[in-house]
Amino acid sequence: MLNNKPVSELRNYKQLLAEVTLDQPVILTKNGYGKYAVVNLEAYDRFQASLALLKDLKAAEKEPTRDTNAVFTDLLKDL
């Protein structure tokens, strides 16, 4: 369940921040619509890492595929 609060709740920012947990952001609303998310820093870092991984996976999709034996052969050359 989302924890929605009007932006005016920022007046009581200590209480608002106490409600933010790793798995529970606080969504700030303006005129009844979600406008901002207050998230735990660890959750934000996880989000950023997920975006970086998705970017890498998207880039990898564009690369040609290689046979497993060719990959192992290349790896063993360096040993």
PDB file of N, CA and C in Angstrom:
ATOM      1  N   MET A   1       0.831  -1.174   0.000  1.00  0.00           N
ATOM      2  CA  MET A   1       0.000   0.000   0.000  1.00  0.00           C
ATOM      3  C   MET A   1       0.881   1.244   0.000  1.00  0.00           C
ATOM      4  N   LEU A   2       0.556   2.191  -0.864  1.00  0.00           N
ATOM      5  CA  LEU A   2       1.336   3.414  -0.954  1.00  0.00           C
ATOM      6  C   LEU A   2       1.052   4.337   0.221  1.00  0.00           C
ATOM      7  N   ASN A   3       2.088   5.003   0.654  1.00  0.00           N
ATOM      8  CA  ASN A   3       1.982   5.974   1.732  1.00  0.00           C
ATOM      9  C   ASN A   3       1.952   7.362   1.089  1.00  0.00           C
ATOM     10  N   ASN A   4       0.769   7.860   0.792  1.00  0.00           N
ATOM     11  CA  ASN A   4       0.603   9.165   0.147  1.00  0.00           C
ATOM     12  C   ASN A   4       0.396  10.255   1.185  1.00  0.00           C
ATOM     13  N   LYS A   5       1.072  11.365   0.955  1.00  0.00           N
ATOM     14  CA  LYS A   5       0.952  12.529   1.837  1.00  0.00           C
ATOM     15  C   LYS A   5       0.925  13.777   0.971  1.00  0.00           C
ATOM     16  N   PRO A   6       0.162  14.780   1.360  1.00  0.00           N
ATOM     17  CA  PRO A   6       0.227  16.039   0.617  1.00  0.00           C
ATOM     18  C   PRO A   6       1.577  16.715   0.847  1.00  0.00           C
ATOM     19  N   VAL A   7       2.023  17.474  -0.138  1.00  0.00           N
ATOM     20  CA  VAL A   7       3.303  18.172  -0.043  1.00  0.00           C
ATOM     21  C   VAL A   7       3.372  19.043   1.211  1.00  0.00           C
ATOM     22  N   SER A   8       2.247  19.531   1.661  1.00  0.00           N
ATOM     23  CA  SER A   8       2.225  20.379   2.861  1.00  0.00           C
ATOM     24  C   SER A   8       2.734  19.639   4.093  1.00  0.00           C
ATOM     25  N   GLU A   9       2.767  18.304   4.050  1.00  0.00           N
ATOM     26  CA  GLU A   9       3.292  17.517   5.180  1.00  0.00           C
ATOM     27  C   GLU A   9       4.787  17.730   5.380  1.00  0.00           C
ATOM     28  N   LEU A  10       5.441  18.357   4.413  1.00  0.00           N
ATOM     29  CA  LEU A  10       6.869  18.630   4.577  1.00  0.00           C
ATOM     30  C   LEU A  10       7.136  19.576   5.738  1.00  0.00           C
ATOM     31  N   ARG A  11       6.103  20.280   6.180  1.00  0.00           N
ATOM     32  CA  ARG A  11       6.265  21.120   7.375  1.00  0.00           C
ATOM     33  C   ARG A  11       6.683  20.270   8.567  1.00  0.00           C
ATOM     34  N   ASN A  12       6.196  19.040   8.598  1.00  0.00           N
ATOM     35  CA  ASN A  12       6.545  18.083   9.657  1.00  0.00           C
ATOM     36  C   ASN A  12       7.524  17.062   9.092  1.00  0.00           C
ATOM     37  N   TYR A  13       8.608  17.553   8.502  1.00  0.00           N
ATOM     38  CA  TYR A  13       9.511  16.670   7.778  1.00  0.00           C
ATOM     39  C   TYR A  13      10.122  15.569   8.647  1.00  0.00           C
ATOM     40  N   LYS A  14      10.364  15.814   9.908  1.00  0.00           N
ATOM     41  CA  LYS A  14      10.931  14.764  10.772  1.00  0.00           C
ATOM     42  C   LYS A  14       9.977  13.584  10.873  1.00  0.00           C
ATOM     43  N   GLN A  15       8.712  13.867  11.060  1.00  0.00           N
ATOM     44  CA  GLN A  15       7.711  12.802  11.137  1.00  0.00           C
ATOM     45  C   GLN A  15       7.578  12.100   9.787  1.00  0.00           C
ATOM     46  N   LEU A  16       7.568  12.876   8.709  1.00  0.00           N
ATOM     47  CA  LEU A  16       7.446  12.307   7.375  1.00  0.00           C
ATOM     48  C   LEU A  16       8.623  11.386   7.078  1.00  0.00           C
ATOM     49  N   LEU A  17       9.832  11.847   7.370  1.00  0.00           N
ATOM     50  CA  LEU A  17      11.016  11.030   7.114  1.00  0.00           C
ATOM     51  C   LEU A  17      11.044   9.774   7.962  1.00  0.00           C
ATOM     52  N   ALA A  18      10.459   9.817   9.138  1.00  0.00           N
ATOM     53  CA  ALA A  18      10.406   8.634  10.003  1.00  0.00           C
ATOM     54  C   ALA A  18       9.537   7.535   9.384  1.00  0.00           C
ATOM     55  N   GLU A  19       8.641   7.919   8.479  1.00  0.00           N
ATOM     56  CA  GLU A  19       7.768   6.944   7.831  1.00  0.00           C
ATOM     57  C   GLU A  19       8.416   6.272   6.621  1.00  0.00           C
ATOM     58  N   VAL A  20       9.528   6.823   6.140  1.00  0.00           N
ATOM     59  CA  VAL A  20      10.215   6.257   4.979  1.00  0.00           C
ATOM     60  C   VAL A  20      11.047   5.059   5.425  1.00  0.00           C
ATOM     61  N   THR A  21      10.847   3.934   4.774  1.00  0.00           N
ATOM     62  CA  THR A  21      11.658   2.744   5.042  1.00  0.00           C
ATOM     63  C   THR A  21      12.213   2.229   3.723  1.00  0.00           C
ATOM     64  N   LEU A  22      13.048   1.212   3.790  1.00  0.00           N
ATOM     65  CA  LEU A  22      13.659   0.636   2.594  1.00  0.00           C
ATOM     66  C   LEU A  22      12.609   0.209   1.587  1.00  0.00           C
ATOM     67  N   ASP A  23      11.558  -0.421   2.052  1.00  0.00           N
ATOM     68  CA  ASP A  23      10.538  -0.948   1.156  1.00  0.00           C
ATOM     69  C   ASP A  23       9.286  -0.076   1.081  1.00  0.00           C
ATOM     70  N   GLN A  24       9.291   1.068   1.763  1.00  0.00           N
ATOM     71  CA  GLN A  24       8.089   1.896   1.807  1.00  0.00           C
ATOM     72  C   GLN A  24       8.439   3.367   1.602  1.00  0.00           C
ATOM     73  N   PRO A  25       8.415   3.840   0.357  1.00  0.00           N
ATOM     74  CA  PRO A  25       8.633   5.269   0.138  1.00  0.00           C
ATOM     75  C   PRO A  25       7.397   6.065   0.548  1.00  0.00           C
ATOM     76  N   VAL A  26       7.549   7.349   0.679  1.00  0.00           N
ATOM     77  CA  VAL A  26       6.421   8.242   0.904  1.00  0.00           C
ATOM     78  C   VAL A  26       6.216   9.021  -0.396  1.00  0.00           C
ATOM     79  N   ILE A  27       5.017   8.974  -0.926  1.00  0.00           N
ATOM     80  CA  ILE A  27       4.674   9.688  -2.149  1.00  0.00           C
ATOM     81  C   ILE A  27       4.036  11.017  -1.754  1.00  0.00           C
ATOM     82  N   LEU A  28       4.636  12.105  -2.209  1.00  0.00           N
ATOM     83  CA  LEU A  28       4.092  13.430  -1.932  1.00  0.00           C
ATOM     84  C   LEU A  28       3.175  13.831  -3.083  1.00  0.00           C
ATOM     85  N   THR A  29       2.009  14.298  -2.731  1.00  0.00           N
ATOM     86  CA  THR A  29       1.024  14.671  -3.742  1.00  0.00           C
ATOM     87  C   THR A  29       0.847  16.185  -3.788  1.00  0.00           C
ATOM     88  N   LYS A  30       0.487  16.642  -4.961  1.00  0.00           N
ATOM     89  CA  LYS A  30       0.172  18.058  -5.152  1.00  0.00           C
ATOM     90  C   LYS A  30      -1.131  18.097  -5.928  1.00  0.00           C
ATOM     91  N   ASN A  31      -2.110  18.773  -5.369  1.00  0.00           N
ATOM     92  CA  ASN A  31      -3.454  18.823  -5.961  1.00  0.00           C
ATOM     93  C   ASN A  31      -4.038  17.424  -6.157  1.00  0.00           C
ATOM     94  N   GLY A  32      -3.706  16.526  -5.255  1.00  0.00           N
ATOM     95  CA  GLY A  32      -4.266  15.186  -5.280  1.00  0.00           C
ATOM     96  C   GLY A  32      -3.556  14.197  -6.190  1.00  0.00           C
ATOM     97  N   TYR A  33      -2.498  14.632  -6.861  1.00  0.00           N
ATOM     98  CA  TYR A  33      -1.765  13.753  -7.779  1.00  0.00           C
ATOM     99  C   TYR A  33      -0.345  13.539  -7.282  1.00  0.00           C
ATOM    100  N   GLY A  34       0.168  12.335  -7.461  1.00  0.00           N
ATOM    101  CA  GLY A  34       1.540  12.042  -7.072  1.00  0.00           C
ATOM    102  C   GLY A  34       2.517  12.936  -7.816  1.00  0.00           C
ATOM    103  N   LYS A  35       3.432  13.536  -7.076  1.00  0.00           N
ATOM    104  CA  LYS A  35       4.374  14.478  -7.673  1.00  0.00           C
ATOM    105  C   LYS A  35       5.820  14.116  -7.352  1.00  0.00           C
ATOM    106  N   TYR A  36       6.066  13.652  -6.129  1.00  0.00           N
ATOM    107  CA  TYR A  36       7.427  13.358  -5.686  1.00  0.00           C
ATOM    108  C   TYR A  36       7.425  12.068  -4.879  1.00  0.00           C
ATOM    109  N   ALA A  37       8.587  11.419  -4.847  1.00  0.00           N
ATOM    110  CA  ALA A  37       8.761  10.239  -4.006  1.00  0.00           C
ATOM    111  C   ALA A  37       9.943  10.489  -3.072  1.00  0.00           C
ATOM    112  N   VAL A  38       9.728  10.241  -1.796  1.00  0.00           N
ATOM    113  CA  VAL A  38      10.810  10.317  -0.816  1.00  0.00           C
ATOM    114  C   VAL A  38      11.186   8.875  -0.504  1.00  0.00           C
ATOM    115  N   VAL A  39      12.416   8.516  -0.873  1.00  0.00           N
ATOM    116  CA  VAL A  39      12.842   7.123  -0.729  1.00  0.00           C
ATOM    117  C   VAL A  39      14.072   7.027   0.159  1.00  0.00           C
ATOM    118  N   ASN A  40      14.237   5.868   0.745  1.00  0.00           N
ATOM    119  CA  ASN A  40      15.421   5.539   1.518  1.00  0.00           C
ATOM    120  C   ASN A  40      16.620   5.553   0.560  1.00  0.00           C
ATOM    121  N   LEU A  41      17.771   6.038   1.013  1.00  0.00           N
ATOM    122  CA  LEU A  41      18.939   6.140   0.142  1.00  0.00           C
ATOM    123  C   LEU A  41      19.381   4.773  -0.384  1.00  0.00           C
ATOM    124  N   GLU A  42      19.282   3.744   0.434  1.00  0.00           N
ATOM    125  CA  GLU A  42      19.652   2.400  -0.030  1.00  0.00           C
ATOM    126  C   GLU A  42      18.713   1.943  -1.149  1.00  0.00           C
ATOM    127  N   ALA A  43      17.435   2.252  -1.031  1.00  0.00           N
ATOM    128  CA  ALA A  43      16.479   1.911  -2.088  1.00  0.00           C
ATOM    129  C   ALA A  43      16.810   2.679  -3.362  1.00  0.00           C
ATOM    130  N   TYR A  44      17.193   3.932  -3.226  1.00  0.00           N
ATOM    131  CA  TYR A  44      17.580   4.734  -4.389  1.00  0.00           C
ATOM    132  C   TYR A  44      18.812   4.142  -5.062  1.00  0.00           C
ATOM    133  N   ASP A  45      19.811   3.743  -4.266  1.00  0.00           N
ATOM    134  CA  ASP A  45      21.017   3.132  -4.823  1.00  0.00           C
ATOM    135  C   ASP A  45      20.687   1.837  -5.565  1.00  0.00           C
ATOM    136  N   ARG A  46      19.796   1.030  -4.993  1.00  0.00           N
ATOM    137  CA  ARG A  46      19.372  -0.203  -5.664  1.00  0.00           C
ATOM    138  C   ARG A  46      18.683   0.106  -6.993  1.00  0.00           C
ATOM    139  N   PHE A  47      17.845   1.135  -6.991  1.00  0.00           N
ATOM    140  CA  PHE A  47      17.151   1.554  -8.202  1.00  0.00           C
ATOM    141  C   PHE A  47      18.153   1.965  -9.276  1.00  0.00           C
ATOM    142  N   GLN A  48      19.142   2.762  -8.900  1.00  0.00           N
ATOM    143  CA  GLN A  48      20.159   3.209  -9.850  1.00  0.00           C
ATOM    144  C   GLN A  48      20.957   2.024 -10.399  1.00  0.00           C
ATOM    145  N   ALA A  49      21.302   1.064  -9.534  1.00  0.00           N
ATOM    146  CA  ALA A  49      22.035  -0.122  -9.980  1.00  0.00           C
ATOM    147  C   ALA A  49      21.183  -0.945 -10.942  1.00  0.00           C
ATOM    148  N   SER A  50      19.891  -1.035 -10.676  1.00  0.00           N
ATOM    149  CA  SER A  50      18.984  -1.767 -11.569  1.00  0.00           C
ATOM    150  C   SER A  50      18.916  -1.100 -12.930  1.00  0.00           C
ATOM    151  N   LEU A  51      18.854   0.218 -12.949  1.00  0.00           N
ATOM    152  CA  LEU A  51      18.841   0.934 -14.230  1.00  0.00           C
ATOM    153  C   LEU A  51      20.130   0.708 -15.013  1.00  0.00           C
ATOM    154  N   ALA A  52      21.267   0.715 -14.319  1.00  0.00           N
ATOM    155  CA  ALA A  52      22.551   0.473 -14.981  1.00  0.00           C
ATOM    156  C   ALA A  52      22.590  -0.940 -15.561  1.00  0.00           C
ATOM    157  N   LEU A  53      22.083  -1.916 -14.805  1.00  0.00           N
ATOM    158  CA  LEU A  53      22.048  -3.292 -15.290  1.00  0.00           C
ATOM    159  C   LEU A  53      21.161  -3.405 -16.522  1.00  0.00           C
ATOM    160  N   LEU A  54      19.993  -2.782 -16.487  1.00  0.00           N
ATOM    161  CA  LEU A  54      19.100  -2.816 -17.645  1.00  0.00           C
ATOM    162  C   LEU A  54      19.753  -2.179 -18.872  1.00  0.00           C
ATOM    163  N   LYS A  55      20.482  -1.095 -18.660  1.00  0.00           N
ATOM    164  CA  LYS A  55      21.189  -0.448 -19.757  1.00  0.00           C
ATOM    165  C   LYS A  55      22.234  -1.388 -20.351  1.00  0.00           C
ATOM    166  N   ASP A  56      22.984  -2.071 -19.487  1.00  0.00           N
ATOM    167  CA  ASP A  56      23.993  -3.025 -19.954  1.00  0.00           C
ATOM    168  C   ASP A  56      23.350  -4.187 -20.709  1.00  0.00           C
ATOM    169  N   LEU A  57      22.231  -4.684 -20.195  1.00  0.00           N
ATOM    170  CA  LEU A  57      21.551  -5.795 -20.860  1.00  0.00           C
ATOM    171  C   LEU A  57      21.021  -5.369 -22.225  1.00  0.00           C
ATOM    172  N   LYS A  58      20.500  -4.150 -22.311  1.00  0.00           N
ATOM    173  CA  LYS A  58      19.997  -3.634 -23.585  1.00  0.00           C
ATOM    174  C   LYS A  58      21.136  -3.527 -24.593  1.00  0.00           C
ATOM    175  N   ALA A  59      22.290  -3.046 -24.133  1.00  0.00           N
ATOM    176  CA  ALA A  59      23.453  -2.943 -25.020  1.00  0.00           C
ATOM    177  C   ALA A  59      23.927  -4.323 -25.452  1.00  0.00           C
ATOM    178  N   ALA A  60      23.872  -5.297 -24.538  1.00  0.00           N
ATOM    179  CA  ALA A  60      24.318  -6.659 -24.854  1.00  0.00           C
ATOM    180  C   ALA A  60      23.415  -7.312 -25.891  1.00  0.00           C
ATOM    181  N   GLU A  61      22.140  -6.950 -25.899  1.00  0.00           N
ATOM    182  CA  GLU A  61      21.216  -7.521 -26.891  1.00  0.00           C
ATOM    183  C   GLU A  61      21.634  -7.172 -28.308  1.00  0.00           C
ATOM    184  N   LYS A  62      22.319  -6.062 -28.484  1.00  0.00           N
ATOM    185  CA  LYS A  62      22.727  -5.612 -29.808  1.00  0.00           C
ATOM    186  C   LYS A  62      24.008  -6.292 -30.287  1.00  0.00           C
ATOM    187  N   GLU A  63      24.728  -6.909 -29.383  1.00  0.00           N
ATOM    188  CA  GLU A  63      25.978  -7.583 -29.731  1.00  0.00           C
ATOM    189  C   GLU A  63      25.679  -8.935 -30.376  1.00  0.00           C
ATOM    190  N   PRO A  64      26.541  -9.364 -31.284  1.00  0.00           N
ATOM    191  CA  PRO A  64      26.327 -10.694 -31.876  1.00  0.00           C
ATOM    192  C   PRO A  64      26.566 -11.789 -30.835  1.00  0.00           C
ATOM    193  N   THR A  65      25.852 -12.880 -30.972  1.00  0.00           N
ATOM    194  CA  THR A  65      26.037 -13.993 -30.045  1.00  0.00           C
ATOM    195  C   THR A  65      27.243 -14.816 -30.469  1.00  0.00           C
ATOM    196  N   ARG A  66      27.808 -15.518 -29.498  1.00  0.00           N
ATOM    197  CA  ARG A  66      28.982 -16.354 -29.777  1.00  0.00           C
ATOM    198  C   ARG A  66      28.723 -17.757 -29.273  1.00  0.00           C
ATOM    199  N   ASP A  67      29.310 -18.703 -29.933  1.00  0.00           N
ATOM    200  CA  ASP A  67      29.237 -20.106 -29.543  1.00  0.00           C
ATOM    201  C   ASP A  67      29.969 -20.288 -28.209  1.00  0.00           C
ATOM    202  N   THR A  68      29.424 -21.116 -27.342  1.00  0.00           N
ATOM    203  CA  THR A  68      30.028 -21.352 -26.022  1.00  0.00           C
ATOM    204  C   THR A  68      31.463 -21.845 -26.145  1.00  0.00           C
ATOM    205  N   ASN A  69      31.715 -22.738 -27.074  1.00  0.00           N
ATOM    206  CA  ASN A  69      33.079 -23.253 -27.250  1.00  0.00           C
ATOM    207  C   ASN A  69      34.053 -22.141 -27.625  1.00  0.00           C
ATOM    208  N   ALA A  70      33.623 -21.198 -28.446  1.00  0.00           N
ATOM    209  CA  ALA A  70      34.489 -20.080 -28.821  1.00  0.00           C
ATOM    210  C   ALA A  70      34.799 -19.211 -27.608  1.00  0.00           C
ATOM    211  N   VAL A  71      33.825 -19.008 -26.746  1.00  0.00           N
ATOM    212  CA  VAL A  71      34.044 -18.215 -25.537  1.00  0.00           C
ATOM    213  C   VAL A  71      35.065 -18.904 -24.639  1.00  0.00           C
ATOM    214  N   PHE A  72      34.903 -20.210 -24.415  1.00  0.00           N
ATOM    215  CA  PHE A  72      35.845 -20.940 -23.567  1.00  0.00           C
ATOM    216  C   PHE A  72      37.234 -20.970 -24.180  1.00  0.00           C
ATOM    217  N   THR A  73      37.315 -21.095 -25.483  1.00  0.00           N
ATOM    218  CA  THR A  73      38.613 -21.088 -26.155  1.00  0.00           C
ATOM    219  C   THR A  73      39.320 -19.759 -25.927  1.00  0.00           C
ATOM    220  N   ASP A  74      38.580 -18.667 -26.069  1.00  0.00           N
ATOM    221  CA  ASP A  74      39.177 -17.349 -25.829  1.00  0.00           C
ATOM    222  C   ASP A  74      39.611 -17.176 -24.386  1.00  0.00           C
ATOM    223  N   LEU A  75      38.806 -17.677 -23.457  1.00  0.00           N
ATOM    224  CA  LEU A  75      39.164 -17.571 -22.035  1.00  0.00           C
ATOM    225  C   LEU A  75      40.405 -18.383 -21.716  1.00  0.00           C
ATOM    226  N   LEU A  76      40.519 -19.550 -22.308  1.00  0.00           N
ATOM    227  CA  LEU A  76      41.658 -20.418 -22.007  1.00  0.00           C
ATOM    228  C   LEU A  76      42.946 -19.916 -22.637  1.00  0.00           C
ATOM    229  N   LYS A  77      42.872 -19.107 -23.691  1.00  0.00           N
ATOM    230  CA  LYS A  77      44.068 -18.535 -24.321  1.00  0.00           C
ATOM    231  C   LYS A  77      44.833 -17.668 -23.333  1.00  0.00           C
ATOM    232  N   ASP A  78      44.124 -17.001 -22.468  1.00  0.00           N
ATOM    233  CA  ASP A  78      44.753 -16.069 -21.530  1.00  0.00           C
ATOM    234  C   ASP A  78      45.379 -16.753 -20.325  1.00  0.00           C
ATOM    235  N   LEU A  79      45.188 -18.049 -20.177  1.00  0.00           N
ATOM    236  CA  LEU A  79      45.740 -18.747 -19.007  1.00  0.00           C
ATOM    237  C   LEU A  79      47.160 -19.185 -19.219  1.00  0.00           C
TER     238      LEU A  79
END
